[in-house]
Amino acid sequence: MEKVYKVKTRFVFEGVFEVKASSRVEARQMVQDNCGMVLHSGIQTTLEDDVIDWNFSCHPDKKIVSVVK
């Protein structure tokens, strides 16, 4: 009889946001507050196109964290 296993998995997308800001602190805060990613919709931002650009791979790194019954 087959058993059911829960395989905890982590997908990591790594890339760069290029942000026009007056300081590193402001740039970090802008990305923290205004940028995100939704699995079915891709990368999203509420910032204007002339303020931000990005470069992210569409293929994440995959890591199996654990396997339990």
PDB file of N, CA and C in Angstrom:
ATOM      1  N   MET A   1       0.834  -1.178   0.000  1.00  0.00           N
ATOM      2  CA  MET A   1       0.000   0.000   0.000  1.00  0.00           C
ATOM      3  C   MET A   1       0.889   1.255   0.000  1.00  0.00           C
ATOM      4  N   GLU A   2       0.573   2.203  -0.853  1.00  0.00           N
ATOM      5  CA  GLU A   2       1.347   3.440  -0.917  1.00  0.00           C
ATOM      6  C   GLU A   2       1.011   4.350   0.252  1.00  0.00           C
ATOM      7  N   LYS A   3       2.013   5.077   0.706  1.00  0.00           N
ATOM      8  CA  LYS A   3       1.838   6.021   1.804  1.00  0.00           C
ATOM      9  C   LYS A   3       1.872   7.439   1.248  1.00  0.00           C
ATOM     10  N   VAL A   4       1.328   8.363   1.994  1.00  0.00           N
ATOM     11  CA  VAL A   4       1.358   9.773   1.608  1.00  0.00           C
ATOM     12  C   VAL A   4       2.452  10.472   2.405  1.00  0.00           C
ATOM     13  N   TYR A   5       3.313  11.183   1.719  1.00  0.00           N
ATOM     14  CA  TYR A   5       4.401  11.915   2.355  1.00  0.00           C
ATOM     15  C   TYR A   5       4.230  13.404   2.080  1.00  0.00           C
ATOM     16  N   LYS A   6       4.519  14.202   3.082  1.00  0.00           N
ATOM     17  CA  LYS A   6       4.553  15.648   2.910  1.00  0.00           C
ATOM     18  C   LYS A   6       6.003  16.038   2.661  1.00  0.00           C
ATOM     19  N   VAL A   7       6.258  16.637   1.520  1.00  0.00           N
ATOM     20  CA  VAL A   7       7.609  17.043   1.146  1.00  0.00           C
ATOM     21  C   VAL A   7       7.669  18.572   1.223  1.00  0.00           C
ATOM     22  N   LYS A   8       8.253  19.072   2.302  1.00  0.00           N
ATOM     23  CA  LYS A   8       8.381  20.515   2.472  1.00  0.00           C
ATOM     24  C   LYS A   8       9.460  21.009   1.520  1.00  0.00           C
ATOM     25  N   THR A   9       9.092  21.964   0.680  1.00  0.00           N
ATOM     26  CA  THR A   9       9.971  22.428  -0.383  1.00  0.00           C
ATOM     27  C   THR A   9      10.039  23.950  -0.371  1.00  0.00           C
ATOM     28  N   ARG A  10      11.200  24.473  -0.678  1.00  0.00           N
ATOM     29  CA  ARG A  10      11.395  25.919  -0.728  1.00  0.00           C
ATOM     30  C   ARG A  10      11.873  26.284  -2.131  1.00  0.00           C
ATOM     31  N   PHE A  11      11.201  27.247  -2.763  1.00  0.00           N
ATOM     32  CA  PHE A  11      11.620  27.779  -4.056  1.00  0.00           C
ATOM     33  C   PHE A  11      12.147  29.192  -3.837  1.00  0.00           C
ATOM     34  N   VAL A  12      13.337  29.474  -4.345  1.00  0.00           N
ATOM     35  CA  VAL A  12      13.955  30.780  -4.152  1.00  0.00           C
ATOM     36  C   VAL A  12      14.197  31.422  -5.517  1.00  0.00           C
ATOM     37  N   PHE A  13      13.593  32.587  -5.716  1.00  0.00           N
ATOM     38  CA  PHE A  13      13.838  33.390  -6.906  1.00  0.00           C
ATOM     39  C   PHE A  13      14.804  34.496  -6.508  1.00  0.00           C
ATOM     40  N   GLU A  14      15.897  34.612  -7.221  1.00  0.00           N
ATOM     41  CA  GLU A  14      16.884  35.630  -6.893  1.00  0.00           C
ATOM     42  C   GLU A  14      17.075  36.547  -8.082  1.00  0.00           C
ATOM     43  N   GLY A  15      17.136  37.829  -7.811  1.00  0.00           N
ATOM     44  CA  GLY A  15      17.323  38.806  -8.872  1.00  0.00           C
ATOM     45  C   GLY A  15      17.649  40.163  -8.290  1.00  0.00           C
ATOM     46  N   VAL A  16      17.536  41.192  -9.136  1.00  0.00           N
ATOM     47  CA  VAL A  16      17.926  42.540  -8.751  1.00  0.00           C
ATOM     48  C   VAL A  16      16.828  43.523  -9.135  1.00  0.00           C
ATOM     49  N   PHE A  17      16.483  44.416  -8.219  1.00  0.00           N
ATOM     50  CA  PHE A  17      15.658  45.577  -8.522  1.00  0.00           C
ATOM     51  C   PHE A  17      16.596  46.764  -8.670  1.00  0.00           C
ATOM     52  N   GLU A  18      16.457  47.532  -9.750  1.00  0.00           N
ATOM     53  CA  GLU A  18      17.206  48.774  -9.920  1.00  0.00           C
ATOM     54  C   GLU A  18      16.253  49.909  -9.595  1.00  0.00           C
ATOM     55  N   VAL A  19      16.556  50.667  -8.528  1.00  0.00           N
ATOM     56  CA  VAL A  19      15.644  51.677  -7.999  1.00  0.00           C
ATOM     57  C   VAL A  19      16.320  53.041  -7.999  1.00  0.00           C
ATOM     58  N   LYS A  20      15.616  54.063  -8.470  1.00  0.00           N
ATOM     59  CA  LYS A  20      16.094  55.439  -8.353  1.00  0.00           C
ATOM     60  C   LYS A  20      15.678  55.954  -6.986  1.00  0.00           C
ATOM     61  N   ALA A  21      16.653  56.227  -6.130  1.00  0.00           N
ATOM     62  CA  ALA A  21      16.378  56.684  -4.765  1.00  0.00           C
ATOM     63  C   ALA A  21      17.514  57.588  -4.316  1.00  0.00           C
ATOM     64  N   SER A  22      17.280  58.331  -3.245  1.00  0.00           N
ATOM     65  CA  SER A  22      18.299  59.259  -2.746  1.00  0.00           C
ATOM     66  C   SER A  22      19.303  58.592  -1.810  1.00  0.00           C
ATOM     67  N   SER A  23      19.009  57.363  -1.355  1.00  0.00           N
ATOM     68  CA  SER A  23      19.939  56.660  -0.463  1.00  0.00           C
ATOM     69  C   SER A  23      19.688  55.161  -0.533  1.00  0.00           C
ATOM     70  N   ARG A  24      20.644  54.399  -0.006  1.00  0.00           N
ATOM     71  CA  ARG A  24      20.479  52.942   0.071  1.00  0.00           C
ATOM     72  C   ARG A  24      19.297  52.580   0.954  1.00  0.00           C
ATOM     73  N   VAL A  25      19.139  53.313   2.047  1.00  0.00           N
ATOM     74  CA  VAL A  25      18.038  53.049   2.980  1.00  0.00           C
ATOM     75  C   VAL A  25      16.698  53.269   2.286  1.00  0.00           C
ATOM     76  N   GLU A  26      16.583  54.370   1.534  1.00  0.00           N
ATOM     77  CA  GLU A  26      15.342  54.648   0.815  1.00  0.00           C
ATOM     78  C   GLU A  26      15.086  53.583  -0.251  1.00  0.00           C
ATOM     79  N   ALA A  27      16.124  53.179  -0.994  1.00  0.00           N
ATOM     80  CA  ALA A  27      15.966  52.155  -2.031  1.00  0.00           C
ATOM     81  C   ALA A  27      15.474  50.847  -1.424  1.00  0.00           C
ATOM     82  N   ARG A  28      16.068  50.453  -0.319  1.00  0.00           N
ATOM     83  CA  ARG A  28      15.650  49.222   0.362  1.00  0.00           C
ATOM     84  C   ARG A  28      14.191  49.316   0.802  1.00  0.00           C
ATOM     85  N   GLN A  29      13.817  50.453   1.381  1.00  0.00           N
ATOM     86  CA  GLN A  29      12.455  50.634   1.871  1.00  0.00           C
ATOM     87  C   GLN A  29      11.447  50.642   0.722  1.00  0.00           C
ATOM     88  N   MET A  30      11.817  51.240  -0.408  1.00  0.00           N
ATOM     89  CA  MET A  30      10.932  51.272  -1.574  1.00  0.00           C
ATOM     90  C   MET A  30      10.630  49.857  -2.059  1.00  0.00           C
ATOM     91  N   VAL A  31      11.667  49.021  -2.139  1.00  0.00           N
ATOM     92  CA  VAL A  31      11.458  47.637  -2.581  1.00  0.00           C
ATOM     93  C   VAL A  31      10.663  46.865  -1.531  1.00  0.00           C
ATOM     94  N   GLN A  32      10.992  47.061  -0.262  1.00  0.00           N
ATOM     95  CA  GLN A  32      10.272  46.378   0.820  1.00  0.00           C
ATOM     96  C   GLN A  32       8.780  46.708   0.781  1.00  0.00           C
ATOM     97  N   ASP A  33       8.453  47.977   0.579  1.00  0.00           N
ATOM     98  CA  ASP A  33       7.066  48.434   0.656  1.00  0.00           C
ATOM     99  C   ASP A  33       6.276  48.273  -0.635  1.00  0.00           C
ATOM    100  N   ASN A  34       6.951  48.246  -1.796  1.00  0.00           N
ATOM    101  CA  ASN A  34       6.241  48.366  -3.067  1.00  0.00           C
ATOM    102  C   ASN A  34       6.450  47.230  -4.058  1.00  0.00           C
ATOM    103  N   CYS A  35       7.229  46.226  -3.716  1.00  0.00           N
ATOM    104  CA  CYS A  35       7.522  45.159  -4.672  1.00  0.00           C
ATOM    105  C   CYS A  35       7.205  43.801  -4.061  1.00  0.00           C
ATOM    106  N   GLY A  36       6.770  42.882  -4.917  1.00  0.00           N
ATOM    107  CA  GLY A  36       6.471  41.546  -4.442  1.00  0.00           C
ATOM    108  C   GLY A  36       6.341  40.590  -5.606  1.00  0.00           C
ATOM    109  N   MET A  37       5.938  39.379  -5.287  1.00  0.00           N
ATOM    110  CA  MET A  37       5.761  38.371  -6.323  1.00  0.00           C
ATOM    111  C   MET A  37       4.633  37.444  -5.919  1.00  0.00           C
ATOM    112  N   VAL A  38       3.772  37.170  -6.880  1.00  0.00           N
ATOM    113  CA  VAL A  38       2.684  36.223  -6.693  1.00  0.00           C
ATOM    114  C   VAL A  38       2.897  35.112  -7.712  1.00  0.00           C
ATOM    115  N   LEU A  39       2.768  33.882  -7.281  1.00  0.00           N
ATOM    116  CA  LEU A  39       3.115  32.738  -8.124  1.00  0.00           C
ATOM    117  C   LEU A  39       2.457  32.787  -9.502  1.00  0.00           C
ATOM    118  N   HIS A  40       1.185  33.077  -9.584  1.00  0.00           N
ATOM    119  CA  HIS A  40       0.501  33.048 -10.877  1.00  0.00           C
ATOM    120  C   HIS A  40       0.603  34.359 -11.649  1.00  0.00           C
ATOM    121  N   SER A  41       1.037  35.437 -11.006  1.00  0.00           N
ATOM    122  CA  SER A  41       1.054  36.753 -11.652  1.00  0.00           C
ATOM    123  C   SER A  41       2.446  37.299 -11.929  1.00  0.00           C
ATOM    124  N   GLY A  42       3.459  36.719 -11.347  1.00  0.00           N
ATOM    125  CA  GLY A  42       4.818  37.200 -11.547  1.00  0.00           C
ATOM    126  C   GLY A  42       5.169  38.372 -10.649  1.00  0.00           C
ATOM    127  N   ILE A  43       6.230  39.074 -11.010  1.00  0.00           N
ATOM    128  CA  ILE A  43       6.719  40.194 -10.212  1.00  0.00           C
ATOM    129  C   ILE A  43       5.777  41.379 -10.369  1.00  0.00           C
ATOM    130  N   GLN A  44       5.503  42.040  -9.252  1.00  0.00           N
ATOM    131  CA  GLN A  44       4.598  43.183  -9.248  1.00  0.00           C
ATOM    132  C   GLN A  44       5.222  44.325  -8.468  1.00  0.00           C
ATOM    133  N   THR A  45       4.897  45.558  -8.868  1.00  0.00           N
ATOM    134  CA  THR A  45       5.332  46.740  -8.129  1.00  0.00           C
ATOM    135  C   THR A  45       4.299  47.839  -8.289  1.00  0.00           C
ATOM    136  N   THR A  46       4.212  48.687  -7.291  1.00  0.00           N
ATOM    137  CA  THR A  46       3.335  49.852  -7.372  1.00  0.00           C
ATOM    138  C   THR A  46       4.127  51.098  -7.757  1.00  0.00           C
ATOM    139  N   LEU A  47       5.432  50.949  -7.972  1.00  0.00           N
ATOM    140  CA  LEU A  47       6.278  52.077  -8.369  1.00  0.00           C
ATOM    141  C   LEU A  47       6.164  52.325  -9.874  1.00  0.00           C
ATOM    142  N   GLU A  48       6.387  53.562 -10.288  1.00  0.00           N
ATOM    143  CA  GLU A  48       6.331  53.939 -11.701  1.00  0.00           C
ATOM    144  C   GLU A  48       7.496  53.315 -12.475  1.00  0.00           C
ATOM    145  N   ASP A  49       7.289  53.047 -13.766  1.00  0.00           N
ATOM    146  CA  ASP A  49       8.314  52.420 -14.604  1.00  0.00           C
ATOM    147  C   ASP A  49       9.608  53.223 -14.676  1.00  0.00           C
ATOM    148  N   ASP A  50       9.535  54.547 -14.587  1.00  0.00           N
ATOM    149  CA  ASP A  50      10.755  55.352 -14.676  1.00  0.00           C
ATOM    150  C   ASP A  50      11.548  55.363 -13.366  1.00  0.00           C
ATOM    151  N   VAL A  51      11.015  54.731 -12.318  1.00  0.00           N
ATOM    152  CA  VAL A  51      11.679  54.672 -11.015  1.00  0.00           C
ATOM    153  C   VAL A  51      12.316  53.312 -10.769  1.00  0.00           C
ATOM    154  N   ILE A  52      11.787  52.261 -11.409  1.00  0.00           N
ATOM    155  CA  ILE A  52      12.237  50.901 -11.078  1.00  0.00           C
ATOM    156  C   ILE A  52      12.314  50.017 -12.314  1.00  0.00           C
ATOM    157  N   ASP A  53      13.245  49.079 -12.276  1.00  0.00           N
ATOM    158  CA  ASP A  53      13.365  48.025 -13.280  1.00  0.00           C
ATOM    159  C   ASP A  53      13.842  46.789 -12.535  1.00  0.00           C
ATOM    160  N   TRP A  54      13.698  45.620 -13.121  1.00  0.00           N
ATOM    161  CA  TRP A  54      14.157  44.425 -12.431  1.00  0.00           C
ATOM    162  C   TRP A  54      14.647  43.379 -13.405  1.00  0.00           C
ATOM    163  N   ASN A  55      15.429  42.437 -12.863  1.00  0.00           N
ATOM    164  CA  ASN A  55      15.953  41.319 -13.629  1.00  0.00           C
ATOM    165  C   ASN A  55      15.940  40.096 -12.719  1.00  0.00           C
ATOM    166  N   PHE A  56      14.970  39.210 -12.921  1.00  0.00           N
ATOM    167  CA  PHE A  56      14.833  37.991 -12.137  1.00  0.00           C
ATOM    168  C   PHE A  56      14.715  36.804 -13.078  1.00  0.00           C
ATOM    169  N   SER A  57      15.336  35.716 -12.718  1.00  0.00           N
ATOM    170  CA  SER A  57      15.184  34.473 -13.468  1.00  0.00           C
ATOM    171  C   SER A  57      13.775  33.932 -13.264  1.00  0.00           C
ATOM    172  N   CYS A  58      13.230  33.312 -14.289  1.00  0.00           N
ATOM    173  CA  CYS A  58      11.911  32.672 -14.181  1.00  0.00           C
ATOM    174  C   CYS A  58      12.016  31.274 -13.581  1.00  0.00           C
ATOM    175  N   HIS A  59      13.223  30.797 -13.392  1.00  0.00           N
ATOM    176  CA  HIS A  59      13.444  29.451 -12.881  1.00  0.00           C
ATOM    177  C   HIS A  59      14.092  29.524 -11.499  1.00  0.00           C
ATOM    178  N   PRO A  60      13.356  29.138 -10.466  1.00  0.00           N
ATOM    179  CA  PRO A  60      13.888  29.249  -9.107  1.00  0.00           C
ATOM    180  C   PRO A  60      14.851  28.119  -8.759  1.00  0.00           C
ATOM    181  N   ASP A  61      15.622  28.352  -7.701  1.00  0.00           N
ATOM    182  CA  ASP A  61      16.385  27.273  -7.079  1.00  0.00           C
ATOM    183  C   ASP A  61      15.407  26.491  -6.209  1.00  0.00           C
ATOM    184  N   LYS A  62      15.549  25.173  -6.188  1.00  0.00           N
ATOM    185  CA  LYS A  62      14.639  24.327  -5.407  1.00  0.00           C
ATOM    186  C   LYS A  62      15.422  23.610  -4.328  1.00  0.00           C
ATOM    187  N   LYS A  63      14.884  23.615  -3.111  1.00  0.00           N
ATOM    188  CA  LYS A  63      15.521  22.916  -2.000  1.00  0.00           C
ATOM    189  C   LYS A  63      14.465  22.092  -1.273  1.00  0.00           C
ATOM    190  N   ILE A  64      14.714  20.794  -1.141  1.00  0.00           N
ATOM    191  CA  ILE A  64      13.847  19.931  -0.344  1.00  0.00           C
ATOM    192  C   ILE A  64      14.254  20.124   1.109  1.00  0.00           C
ATOM    193  N   VAL A  65      13.323  20.571   1.935  1.00  0.00           N
ATOM    194  CA  VAL A  65      13.606  20.880   3.331  1.00  0.00           C
ATOM    195  C   VAL A  65      13.446  19.648   4.207  1.00  0.00           C
ATOM    196  N   SER A  66      12.353  18.893   4.016  1.00  0.00           N
ATOM    197  CA  SER A  66      12.125  17.688   4.818  1.00  0.00           C
ATOM    198  C   SER A  66      11.080  16.815   4.146  1.00  0.00           C
ATOM    199  N   VAL A  67      11.052  15.549   4.551  1.00  0.00           N
ATOM    200  CA  VAL A  67      10.044  14.600   4.082  1.00  0.00           C
ATOM    201  C   VAL A  67       9.514  13.865   5.305  1.00  0.00           C
ATOM    202  N   VAL A  68       8.201  13.964   5.533  1.00  0.00           N
ATOM    203  CA  VAL A  68       7.585  13.306   6.687  1.00  0.00           C
ATOM    204  C   VAL A  68       6.309  12.602   6.255  1.00  0.00           C
ATOM    205  N   LYS A  69       5.904  11.612   7.066  1.00  0.00           N
ATOM    206  CA  LYS A  69       4.637  10.919   6.811  1.00  0.00           C
ATOM    207  C   LYS A  69       3.493  11.752   7.298  1.00  0.00           C
TER     208      LYS A  69
END
